[in-house]
C-alpha atoms as a PDB file:
ATOM      1  CA  MET A   1       0.000   0.000   0.000  1.00  0.00           C
ATOM      2  CA  ASN A   2       2.922   2.333   0.701  1.00  0.00           C
ATOM      3  CA  ALA A   3       4.109   1.977  -2.908  1.00  0.00           C
ATOM      4  CA  ILE A   4       0.676   2.943  -4.217  1.00  0.00           C
ATOM      5  CA  LEU A   5       0.613   6.059  -2.059  1.00  0.00           C
ATOM      6  CA  LEU A   6       4.104   7.043  -3.209  1.00  0.00           C
ATOM      7  CA  VAL A   7       3.189   6.612  -6.872  1.00  0.00           C
ATOM      8  CA  ALA A   8      -0.160   8.379  -6.432  1.00  0.00           C
ATOM      9  CA  SER A   9       1.278  11.375  -4.607  1.00  0.00           C
ATOM     10  CA  GLY A  10       4.172  11.692  -7.045  1.00  0.00           C
ATOM     11  CA  GLY A  11       1.774  11.264  -9.961  1.00  0.00           C
ATOM     12  CA  ALA A  12      -0.384  14.102  -8.698  1.00  0.00           C
ATOM     13  CA  MET A  13       2.648  16.369  -8.543  1.00  0.00           C
ATOM     14  CA  GLY A  14       3.794  15.337 -12.013  1.00  0.00           C
ATOM     15  CA  SER A  15       0.336  15.823 -13.528  1.00  0.00           C
ATOM     16  CA  VAL A  16       0.073  19.328 -12.098  1.00  0.00           C
ATOM     17  CA  ALA A  17       3.544  20.119 -13.421  1.00  0.00           C
ATOM     18  CA  ARG A  18       2.546  18.806 -16.879  1.00  0.00           C
ATOM     19  CA  TYR A  19      -0.548  21.010 -16.868  1.00  0.00           C
ATOM     20  CA  LEU A  20       1.436  24.091 -15.813  1.00  0.00           C
ATOM     21  CA  VAL A  21       4.130  23.540 -18.445  1.00  0.00           C
ATOM     22  CA  GLY A  22       1.483  23.063 -21.118  1.00  0.00           C
ATOM     23  CA  LEU A  23      -0.306  26.213 -20.025  1.00  0.00           C
ATOM     24  CA  ALA A  24       2.913  28.236 -19.975  1.00  0.00           C
ATOM     25  CA  MET A  25       3.972  27.021 -23.420  1.00  0.00           C
ATOM     26  CA  THR A  26       0.547  27.784 -24.896  1.00  0.00           C
ATOM     27  CA  ARG A  27       0.612  31.279 -23.420  1.00  0.00           C
ATOM     28  CA  ALA A  28       4.167  31.883 -24.635  1.00  0.00           C
ATOM     29  CA  LEU A  29       4.027  30.308 -28.104  1.00  0.00           C
ATOM     30  CA  GLY A  30       0.361  29.884 -29.000  1.00  0.00           C
ATOM     31  CA  MET A  31      -1.745  26.906 -29.973  1.00  0.00           C
ATOM     32  CA  ASN A  32      -0.565  26.338 -33.559  1.00  0.00           C
ATOM     33  CA  PHE A  33       1.724  23.483 -32.507  1.00  0.00           C
ATOM     34  CA  PRO A  34       1.677  21.191 -29.445  1.00  0.00           C
ATOM     35  CA  TYR A  35       4.659  22.940 -27.826  1.00  0.00           C
ATOM     36  CA  GLY A  36       3.538  21.962 -24.340  1.00  0.00           C
ATOM     37  CA  THR A  37       3.419  18.255 -25.122  1.00  0.00           C
ATOM     38  CA  LEU A  38       6.726  18.372 -26.959  1.00  0.00           C
ATOM     39  CA  THR A  39       8.361  20.249 -24.095  1.00  0.00           C
ATOM     40  CA  VAL A  40       6.992  17.875 -21.481  1.00  0.00           C
ATOM     41  CA  ASN A  41       8.126  14.815 -23.441  1.00  0.00           C
ATOM     42  CA  VAL A  42      11.653  16.104 -24.028  1.00  0.00           C
ATOM     43  CA  VAL A  43      12.100  17.477 -20.498  1.00  0.00           C
ATOM     44  CA  GLY A  44      10.556  14.331 -19.023  1.00  0.00           C
ATOM     45  CA  GLY A  45      12.932  12.120 -20.978  1.00  0.00           C
ATOM     46  CA  PHE A  46      15.924  14.157 -19.839  1.00  0.00           C
ATOM     47  CA  LEU A  47      14.778  14.148 -16.216  1.00  0.00           C
ATOM     48  CA  MET A  48      14.118  10.398 -16.279  1.00  0.00           C
ATOM     49  CA  GLY A  49      17.627   9.707 -17.558  1.00  0.00           C
ATOM     50  CA  PHE A  50      19.263  12.167 -15.181  1.00  0.00           C
ATOM     51  CA  PHE A  51      17.396  11.210 -12.021  1.00  0.00           C
ATOM     52  CA  ILE A  52      17.512   7.457 -12.595  1.00  0.00           C
ATOM     53  CA  GLU A  53      21.287   7.650 -12.967  1.00  0.00           C
ATOM     54  CA  VAL A  54      21.734  10.034 -10.037  1.00  0.00           C
ATOM     55  CA  LEU A  55      19.418   8.077  -7.745  1.00  0.00           C
ATOM     56  CA  ALA A  56      20.981   4.736  -8.619  1.00  0.00           C
ATOM     57  CA  ARG A  57      24.660   5.657  -8.738  1.00  0.00           C
ATOM     58  CA  TRP A  58      25.194   8.579  -6.430  1.00  0.00           C
ATOM     59  CA  PHE A  59      22.634   8.043  -3.714  1.00  0.00           C
ATOM     60  CA  ASN A  60      21.929   4.313  -3.843  1.00  0.00           C
ATOM     61  CA  ALA A  61      18.308   5.410  -3.526  1.00  0.00           C
ATOM     62  CA  SER A  62      15.649   3.221  -2.006  1.00  0.00           C
ATOM     63  CA  MET A  63      12.983   1.597  -4.143  1.00  0.00           C
ATOM     64  CA  ASP A  64      10.457   3.914  -2.474  1.00  0.00           C
ATOM     65  CA  LEU A  65      12.305   7.006  -3.691  1.00  0.00           C
ATOM     66  CA  ARG A  66      12.648   5.534  -7.182  1.00  0.00           C
ATOM     67  CA  LEU A  67       8.921   4.780  -7.261  1.00  0.00           C
ATOM     68  CA  PHE A  68       8.068   8.272  -6.067  1.00  0.00           C
ATOM     69  CA  VAL A  69      10.327  10.056  -8.576  1.00  0.00           C
ATOM     70  CA  ALA A  70      10.368   7.797 -11.669  1.00  0.00           C
ATOM     71  CA  VAL A  71       6.946   6.178 -11.657  1.00  0.00           C
ATOM     72  CA  GLY A  72       5.121   8.863  -9.697  1.00  0.00           C
ATOM     73  CA  ILE A  73       6.402  12.336 -10.499  1.00  0.00           C
ATOM     74  CA  LEU A  74       7.910  11.647 -13.919  1.00  0.00           C
ATOM     75  CA  GLY A  75       5.234   9.117 -14.857  1.00  0.00           C
ATOM     76  CA  GLY A  76       2.595  11.723 -14.020  1.00  0.00           C
ATOM     77  CA  PHE A  77       4.561  14.389 -15.853  1.00  0.00           C
ATOM     78  CA  THR A  78       4.827  12.263 -18.999  1.00  0.00           C
ATOM     79  CA  THR A  79       4.576   8.545 -19.661  1.00  0.00           C
ATOM     80  CA  PHE A  80       6.851   9.239 -22.609  1.00  0.00           C
ATOM     81  CA  SER A  81       9.725   9.352 -20.129  1.00  0.00           C
ATOM     82  CA  SER A  82       8.930   5.784 -19.049  1.00  0.00           C
ATOM     83  CA  PHE A  83       8.667   4.728 -22.688  1.00  0.00           C
ATOM     84  CA  SER A  84      12.029   6.393 -23.381  1.00  0.00           C
ATOM     85  CA  LEU A  85      13.660   4.619 -20.431  1.00  0.00           C
ATOM     86  CA  ASP A  86      12.302   1.246 -21.582  1.00  0.00           C
ATOM     87  CA  ALA A  87      13.679   1.838 -25.088  1.00  0.00           C
ATOM     88  CA  ALA A  88      17.061   2.920 -23.681  1.00  0.00           C
ATOM     89  CA  VAL A  89      17.287  -0.161 -21.452  1.00  0.00           C
ATOM     90  CA  LEU A  90      16.649  -2.436 -24.435  1.00  0.00           C
ATOM     91  CA  TRP A  91      19.237  -0.494 -26.468  1.00  0.00           C
ATOM     92  CA  GLU A  92      21.861  -0.653 -23.727  1.00  0.00           C
ATOM     93  CA  ARG A  93      21.300  -4.407 -23.332  1.00  0.00           C
ATOM     94  CA  GLY A  94      22.262  -4.694 -26.979  1.00  0.00           C
ATOM     95  CA  GLU A  95      18.745  -5.683 -28.010  1.00  0.00           C
ATOM     96  CA  LEU A  96      18.666  -3.209 -30.897  1.00  0.00           C
ATOM     97  CA  ALA A  97      16.051  -4.975 -32.990  1.00  0.00           C
ATOM     98  CA  THR A  98      13.778  -5.286 -29.967  1.00  0.00           C
ATOM     99  CA  ALA A  99      14.302  -1.616 -29.118  1.00  0.00           C
ATOM    100  CA  PHE A 100      13.392  -0.535 -32.656  1.00  0.00           C
ATOM    101  CA  PHE A 101      10.380  -2.830 -32.674  1.00  0.00           C
ATOM    102  CA  TYR A 102       9.250  -1.460 -29.297  1.00  0.00           C
ATOM    103  CA  VAL A 103       9.565   2.159 -30.465  1.00  0.00           C
ATOM    104  CA  LEU A 104       7.805   1.586 -33.778  1.00  0.00           C
ATOM    105  CA  ALA A 105       5.093  -0.612 -32.297  1.00  0.00           C
ATOM    106  CA  SER A 106       4.453   1.825 -29.453  1.00  0.00           C
ATOM    107  CA  VAL A 107       4.101   4.840 -31.724  1.00  0.00           C
ATOM    108  CA  ILE A 108       2.154   3.163 -34.531  1.00  0.00           C
ATOM    109  CA  LEU A 109      -0.141   1.099 -32.301  1.00  0.00           C
ATOM    110  CA  SER A 110      -0.796   3.962 -29.874  1.00  0.00           C
ATOM    111  CA  ILE A 111      -1.726   6.410 -32.605  1.00  0.00           C
ATOM    112  CA  GLY A 112      -3.716   3.707 -34.385  1.00  0.00           C
ATOM    113  CA  ALA A 113      -5.563   2.887 -31.161  1.00  0.00           C
ATOM    114  CA  LEU A 114      -6.382   6.563 -30.698  1.00  0.00           C
ATOM    115  CA  PHE A 115      -7.871   6.775 -34.195  1.00  0.00           C
ATOM    116  CA  PHE A 116      -9.798   3.540 -33.593  1.00  0.00           C
ATOM    117  CA  GLY A 117     -11.191   4.985 -30.362  1.00  0.00           C
ATOM    118  CA  LEU A 118     -12.192   8.188 -32.184  1.00  0.00           C
ATOM    119  CA  TRP A 119     -13.864   6.184 -34.935  1.00  0.00           C
ATOM    120  CA  LEU A 120     -15.694   3.916 -32.501  1.00  0.00           C
ATOM    121  CA  ALA A 121     -16.990   6.815 -30.422  1.00  0.00           C
ATOM    122  CA  ARG A 122     -18.107   8.668 -33.562  1.00  0.00           C
ATOM    123  CA  ILE A 123     -20.064   5.766 -35.024  1.00  0.00           C
ATOM    124  CA  ALA A 124     -21.660   5.042 -31.649  1.00  0.00           C
ATOM    125  CA  ALA A 125     -22.921   8.641 -31.339  1.00  0.00           C
END
């Protein structure tokens, strides 16, 4: 139960941060391009890489802290950071074909699933 509370509280913080970044980017650059989402995904990927390395190597961080930061805060900020970490782990293991498959399948299937959901909701209406 402690792990769930850590992830939930971190996720709430990350979600609020994602909203605020999106709002700030829209105010600064307008709505003609998804600057907020792009910013969150790039920053989230950087932060995931940086904090995972720092927590693991420099602080020998507990699993609770890793859950709170990586799964909670950064997972709430952007799941793209988790996706990026998964792809990097496969790459660093030398599983290049699997990493490419994972990236392509994730992007194509996720966007395809979104369009399928849109279509299904539209025909049901």
